[in-house]
Amino acid sequence: MNNKDIWRYCISLLLLTQTIWSQESPPEEKAAAAVTDSIAPATIPYTLRFGVDLYRLVLSQASPDFSGQELVADLRVYNNFYAALEIGNESKTKQYEEVNITAKGSYFKLGFDLNMYENWEGMNNQVYLGLRYAHSVHQQQLNAYTILDRDPYWPRTEVVNNFATGNREGLNASWAEVVVGTKVQVLKNVYLGFSARMHVLISDKIPENFDNIYIPGFNKKTTDNKFGASFNYSLTYSIPFLGTAKKKKD
């Protein structure tokens, strides 16, 4: 190899080194990238929270005309998004104007909650908006009714047993609910919650010669109004679930 070849080799090596050096990031950028890479993407654990509605349990003990219970659960599937489920049954005897009825049956409510509250680190409280689709299967018994008589001189007649009284079975109803609520941690993994609900009736099966006056899970129904309202007080316990969900970036 002569001197000319040696110089060509040295110049080529110098140019290659300069090219590689120019493509490398400055030390500051390399340090920042190392720190960034060392931080894992923020994750949160899936959590399953389940419990009971305290309001229905207390009312069942306090009122002889009501019996019922409701199980509640939610599953955090993505950051502040929760899948929600409520399952319950009710039996209620009530005097509505001229009729006395007993409605009993079961229902479920399926939907989601969106947490609007920004928690501190390690907290999992909620102030949320939600939506539910609900469906009930129930029966309704007409216990007695009063014949409407506008004559002031004769007492009103209450009919207890005739062809119109009796049980109407195989009834059902569907409705939607808008939910506003909160859940607050009171002990480790234990939460107290409250929710208020506005209902709108989608459909219901009308009993023969009668009407759905009370729908379990929906509450009172009137002929001219398909809207209703209800609330619950929940006591729930939260447990970690398998896996993690990515947290939304700020």
Protein backbone atom coordinates (compact mmCIF):
# COMPACT_ATOMS: atom_id res chain seq x y z
CA MET A 1 0.00 0.00 0.00
CA ASN A 2 1.57 3.34 -1.08
CA ASN A 3 1.25 6.68 0.67
CA LYS A 4 -1.60 7.82 -1.58
CA ASP A 5 -3.67 4.80 -0.58
CA ILE A 6 -2.93 5.38 3.10
CA TRP A 7 -4.11 8.98 2.88
CA ARG A 8 -7.27 7.95 1.09
CA TYR A 9 -7.94 5.39 3.82
CA CYS A 10 -7.38 7.93 6.61
CA ILE A 11 -9.60 10.54 4.97
CA SER A 12 -12.39 7.98 4.43
CA LEU A 13 -12.17 6.84 8.08
CA LEU A 14 -12.27 10.45 9.27
CA LEU A 15 -15.35 11.24 7.18
CA LEU A 16 -17.13 8.08 8.43
CA THR A 17 -16.33 8.95 12.07
CA GLN A 18 -17.61 12.52 11.56
CA THR A 19 -20.86 11.20 10.03
CA ILE A 20 -21.49 8.82 12.94
CA TRP A 21 -20.68 11.53 15.50
CA SER A 22 -23.04 14.02 13.89
CA GLN A 23 -25.90 11.51 14.06
CA GLU A 24 -25.52 10.96 17.81
CA SER A 25 -27.63 13.08 20.22
CA PRO A 26 -25.99 15.58 22.54
CA PRO A 27 -25.22 14.30 26.03
CA GLU A 28 -28.11 16.31 27.53
CA GLU A 29 -30.63 14.77 25.16
CA LYS A 30 -29.21 11.30 25.73
CA ALA A 31 -29.54 11.73 29.50
CA ALA A 32 -33.13 12.97 29.21
CA ALA A 33 -34.02 10.05 26.95
CA ALA A 34 -32.51 7.61 29.46
CA VAL A 35 -34.62 9.08 32.25
CA THR A 36 -37.75 8.96 30.10
CA ASP A 37 -37.14 5.35 29.14
CA SER A 38 -36.65 4.39 32.76
CA ILE A 39 -40.18 5.57 33.63
CA ALA A 40 -42.76 2.89 32.86
CA PRO A 41 -46.10 3.98 31.34
CA ALA A 42 -48.54 4.94 34.11
CA THR A 43 -50.85 2.06 34.83
CA ILE A 44 -53.70 1.41 37.23
CA PRO A 45 -54.98 -1.97 38.41
CA TYR A 46 -58.33 -3.32 37.38
CA THR A 47 -60.57 -3.22 40.45
CA LEU A 48 -63.80 -5.07 41.13
CA ARG A 49 -66.06 -3.36 43.66
CA PHE A 50 -69.18 -5.12 44.95
CA GLY A 51 -71.68 -4.67 47.76
CA VAL A 52 -75.29 -3.94 48.71
CA ASP A 53 -77.82 -1.12 48.70
CA LEU A 54 -78.30 -0.08 52.34
CA TYR A 55 -81.52 1.84 51.67
CA ARG A 56 -83.51 -1.23 50.64
CA LEU A 57 -82.18 -3.29 53.54
CA VAL A 58 -83.19 -0.64 56.08
CA LEU A 59 -86.58 -0.04 54.44
CA SER A 60 -87.29 -3.77 54.48
CA GLN A 61 -86.89 -3.75 58.26
CA ALA A 62 -88.73 -0.47 58.84
CA SER A 63 -91.78 -0.92 56.60
CA PRO A 64 -94.18 -3.90 56.65
CA ASP A 65 -95.28 -2.99 53.12
CA PHE A 66 -91.85 -3.31 51.50
CA SER A 67 -89.34 -6.11 51.09
CA GLY A 68 -86.32 -5.99 48.83
CA GLN A 69 -82.60 -6.04 48.28
CA GLU A 70 -80.16 -4.89 45.64
CA LEU A 71 -76.62 -6.08 44.89
CA VAL A 72 -74.29 -3.57 43.22
CA ALA A 73 -70.96 -3.95 41.44
CA ASP A 74 -68.61 -2.02 39.21
CA LEU A 75 -65.41 -2.89 37.38
CA ARG A 76 -62.77 -0.31 36.42
CA VAL A 77 -61.80 -1.14 32.86
CA TYR A 78 -59.99 2.04 31.78
CA ASN A 79 -58.78 4.87 34.00
CA ASN A 80 -62.00 6.69 35.02
CA PHE A 81 -64.39 4.41 33.10
CA TYR A 82 -66.33 1.77 35.06
CA ALA A 83 -68.71 -0.93 33.90
CA ALA A 84 -71.62 -1.09 36.36
CA LEU A 85 -74.27 -3.66 37.27
CA GLU A 86 -77.15 -3.74 39.78
CA ILE A 87 -79.39 -6.74 40.42
CA GLY A 88 -82.34 -6.67 42.79
CA ASN A 89 -85.81 -7.78 43.75
CA GLU A 90 -88.69 -5.98 45.41
CA SER A 91 -92.15 -6.59 46.84
CA LYS A 92 -94.26 -3.53 47.62
CA THR A 93 -97.87 -3.12 48.78
CA LYS A 94 -99.30 0.33 48.24
CA GLN A 95 -102.57 2.23 48.20
CA TYR A 96 -102.77 4.37 45.07
CA GLU A 97 -105.88 6.52 44.97
CA GLU A 98 -108.75 4.03 44.53
CA VAL A 99 -106.73 0.78 44.34
CA ASN A 100 -104.57 -1.30 46.65
CA ILE A 101 -101.88 -3.33 44.87
CA THR A 102 -98.91 -5.56 45.59
CA ALA A 103 -96.12 -5.59 43.00
CA LYS A 104 -93.21 -8.01 43.20
CA GLY A 105 -90.43 -9.05 40.87
CA SER A 106 -86.75 -8.91 39.93
CA TYR A 107 -84.70 -6.52 37.81
CA PHE A 108 -81.22 -5.77 36.54
CA LYS A 109 -79.49 -2.56 35.51
CA LEU A 110 -76.45 -2.62 33.23
CA GLY A 111 -74.36 0.33 32.11
CA PHE A 112 -71.32 2.46 32.91
CA ASP A 113 -70.05 5.25 35.17
CA LEU A 114 -67.59 7.99 34.20
CA ASN A 115 -65.62 9.41 37.12
CA MET A 116 -65.29 13.21 36.97
CA TYR A 117 -63.17 13.56 40.12
CA GLU A 118 -59.39 13.97 39.97
CA ASN A 119 -58.02 11.82 42.78
CA TRP A 120 -54.82 12.34 44.72
CA GLU A 121 -52.20 9.64 44.53
CA GLY A 122 -53.44 6.44 46.14
CA MET A 123 -57.10 7.54 46.31
CA ASN A 124 -60.01 6.08 44.39
CA ASN A 125 -63.00 8.28 45.26
CA GLN A 126 -65.62 9.07 42.65
CA VAL A 127 -67.99 11.81 41.61
CA TYR A 128 -69.55 10.31 38.52
CA LEU A 129 -72.11 10.44 35.77
CA GLY A 130 -73.59 7.21 34.49
CA LEU A 131 -76.11 5.56 32.21
CA ARG A 132 -78.07 2.34 32.66
CA TYR A 133 -80.33 0.08 30.66
CA ALA A 134 -82.77 -1.65 33.02
CA HIS A 135 -85.23 -4.49 32.67
CA SER A 136 -87.70 -6.04 35.13
CA VAL A 137 -89.77 -9.21 35.23
CA HIS A 138 -92.61 -8.89 37.71
CA GLN A 139 -96.20 -9.55 38.69
CA GLN A 140 -98.87 -7.28 40.06
CA GLN A 141 -101.79 -8.18 42.25
CA LEU A 142 -104.89 -6.05 42.67
CA ASN A 143 -105.82 -6.58 46.32
CA ALA A 144 -108.83 -4.29 46.48
CA TYR A 145 -110.35 -1.23 44.88
CA THR A 146 -112.90 1.38 45.84
CA ILE A 147 -115.91 2.09 43.63
CA LEU A 148 -116.03 5.75 42.80
CA ASP A 149 -119.36 7.10 44.03
CA ARG A 150 -119.93 10.84 44.10
CA ASP A 151 -123.07 10.57 46.21
CA PRO A 152 -122.16 12.20 49.55
CA TYR A 153 -124.90 10.36 51.47
CA TRP A 154 -123.60 6.82 50.99
CA PRO A 155 -120.24 5.40 52.12
CA ARG A 156 -117.78 4.42 49.42
CA THR A 157 -117.72 0.72 48.67
CA GLU A 158 -114.44 -1.22 48.75
CA VAL A 159 -114.34 -4.33 46.62
CA VAL A 160 -111.97 -7.06 47.82
CA ASN A 161 -112.91 -10.23 45.96
CA ASN A 162 -114.43 -10.24 42.50
CA PHE A 163 -113.44 -10.92 38.91
CA ALA A 164 -111.26 -7.79 38.68
CA THR A 165 -109.08 -8.51 41.70
CA GLY A 166 -106.30 -11.09 41.62
CA ASN A 167 -102.79 -11.56 40.33
CA ARG A 168 -101.40 -10.48 36.94
CA GLU A 169 -98.29 -12.50 36.09
CA GLY A 170 -95.74 -12.48 33.27
CA LEU A 171 -95.27 -8.70 33.21
CA ASN A 172 -92.07 -6.90 32.21
CA ALA A 173 -90.73 -3.43 31.61
CA SER A 174 -87.62 -1.76 30.17
CA TRP A 175 -86.28 1.69 30.90
CA ALA A 176 -83.17 3.88 30.81
CA GLU A 177 -81.56 5.68 33.75
CA VAL A 178 -79.31 8.72 34.00
CA VAL A 179 -77.21 8.43 37.16
CA VAL A 180 -75.40 11.04 39.25
CA GLY A 181 -73.50 9.74 42.25
CA THR A 182 -70.48 9.60 44.48
CA LYS A 183 -68.38 6.94 46.21
CA VAL A 184 -66.06 7.79 49.12
CA GLN A 185 -63.51 5.52 50.77
CA VAL A 186 -64.17 5.27 54.53
CA LEU A 187 -61.85 2.36 55.35
CA LYS A 188 -59.24 0.50 53.38
CA ASN A 189 -61.04 -0.89 50.30
CA VAL A 190 -64.45 -0.01 51.83
CA TYR A 191 -66.65 2.64 50.17
CA LEU A 192 -69.90 4.41 50.96
CA GLY A 193 -71.85 5.63 47.96
CA PHE A 194 -74.95 7.59 47.04
CA SER A 195 -76.64 7.90 43.66
CA ALA A 196 -79.72 9.71 42.35
CA ARG A 197 -81.41 8.40 39.20
CA MET A 198 -83.81 9.77 36.63
CA HIS A 199 -85.77 7.10 34.73
CA VAL A 200 -87.54 7.13 31.41
CA LEU A 201 -89.76 4.16 30.53
CA ILE A 202 -89.03 2.53 27.18
CA SER A 203 -91.66 -0.20 27.16
CA ASP A 204 -93.87 -2.23 29.50
CA LYS A 205 -96.31 -5.08 29.19
CA ILE A 206 -99.75 -3.91 30.34
CA PRO A 207 -101.78 -6.40 32.41
CA GLU A 208 -105.30 -7.20 31.24
CA ASN A 209 -107.98 -4.84 32.56
CA PHE A 210 -105.35 -3.03 34.60
CA ASP A 211 -102.02 -1.19 34.38
CA ASN A 212 -98.48 -1.29 35.76
CA ILE A 213 -98.78 1.02 38.75
CA TYR A 214 -95.52 0.10 40.47
CA ILE A 215 -92.56 -1.48 38.63
CA PRO A 216 -89.80 -3.05 40.76
CA GLY A 217 -86.59 -1.12 40.24
CA PHE A 218 -88.38 1.69 38.40
CA ASN A 219 -90.76 2.95 41.09
CA LYS A 220 -94.23 4.41 40.58
CA LYS A 221 -95.60 4.69 37.06
CA THR A 222 -98.50 6.90 36.00
CA THR A 223 -100.59 6.85 32.84
CA ASP A 224 -99.58 10.33 31.70
CA ASN A 225 -95.95 10.28 32.80
CA LYS A 226 -93.25 7.81 31.76
CA PHE A 227 -90.60 9.41 33.95
CA GLY A 228 -89.59 8.22 37.39
CA ALA A 229 -86.85 8.68 39.97
CA SER A 230 -85.03 6.68 42.63
CA PHE A 231 -81.85 6.66 44.70
CA ASN A 232 -79.64 4.24 46.61
CA TYR A 233 -77.03 4.19 49.36
CA SER A 234 -74.36 1.60 48.70
CA LEU A 235 -71.74 -0.09 50.87
CA THR A 236 -69.09 -1.75 48.71
CA TYR A 237 -65.75 -3.51 49.00
CA SER A 238 -63.03 -3.15 46.38
CA ILE A 239 -60.49 -5.82 45.43
CA PRO A 240 -57.68 -5.71 42.84
CA PHE A 241 -58.35 -7.65 39.69
CA LEU A 242 -55.92 -9.48 37.43
CA GLY A 243 -54.09 -7.24 35.01
CA THR A 244 -53.65 -3.49 34.64
CA ALA A 245 -55.24 -0.82 32.50
CA LYS A 246 -53.36 2.06 30.93
CA LYS A 247 -53.98 5.45 32.42
CA LYS A 248 -54.81 8.34 30.15
CA LYS A 249 -51.97 10.78 29.64
CA ASP A 250 -52.49 14.34 30.82
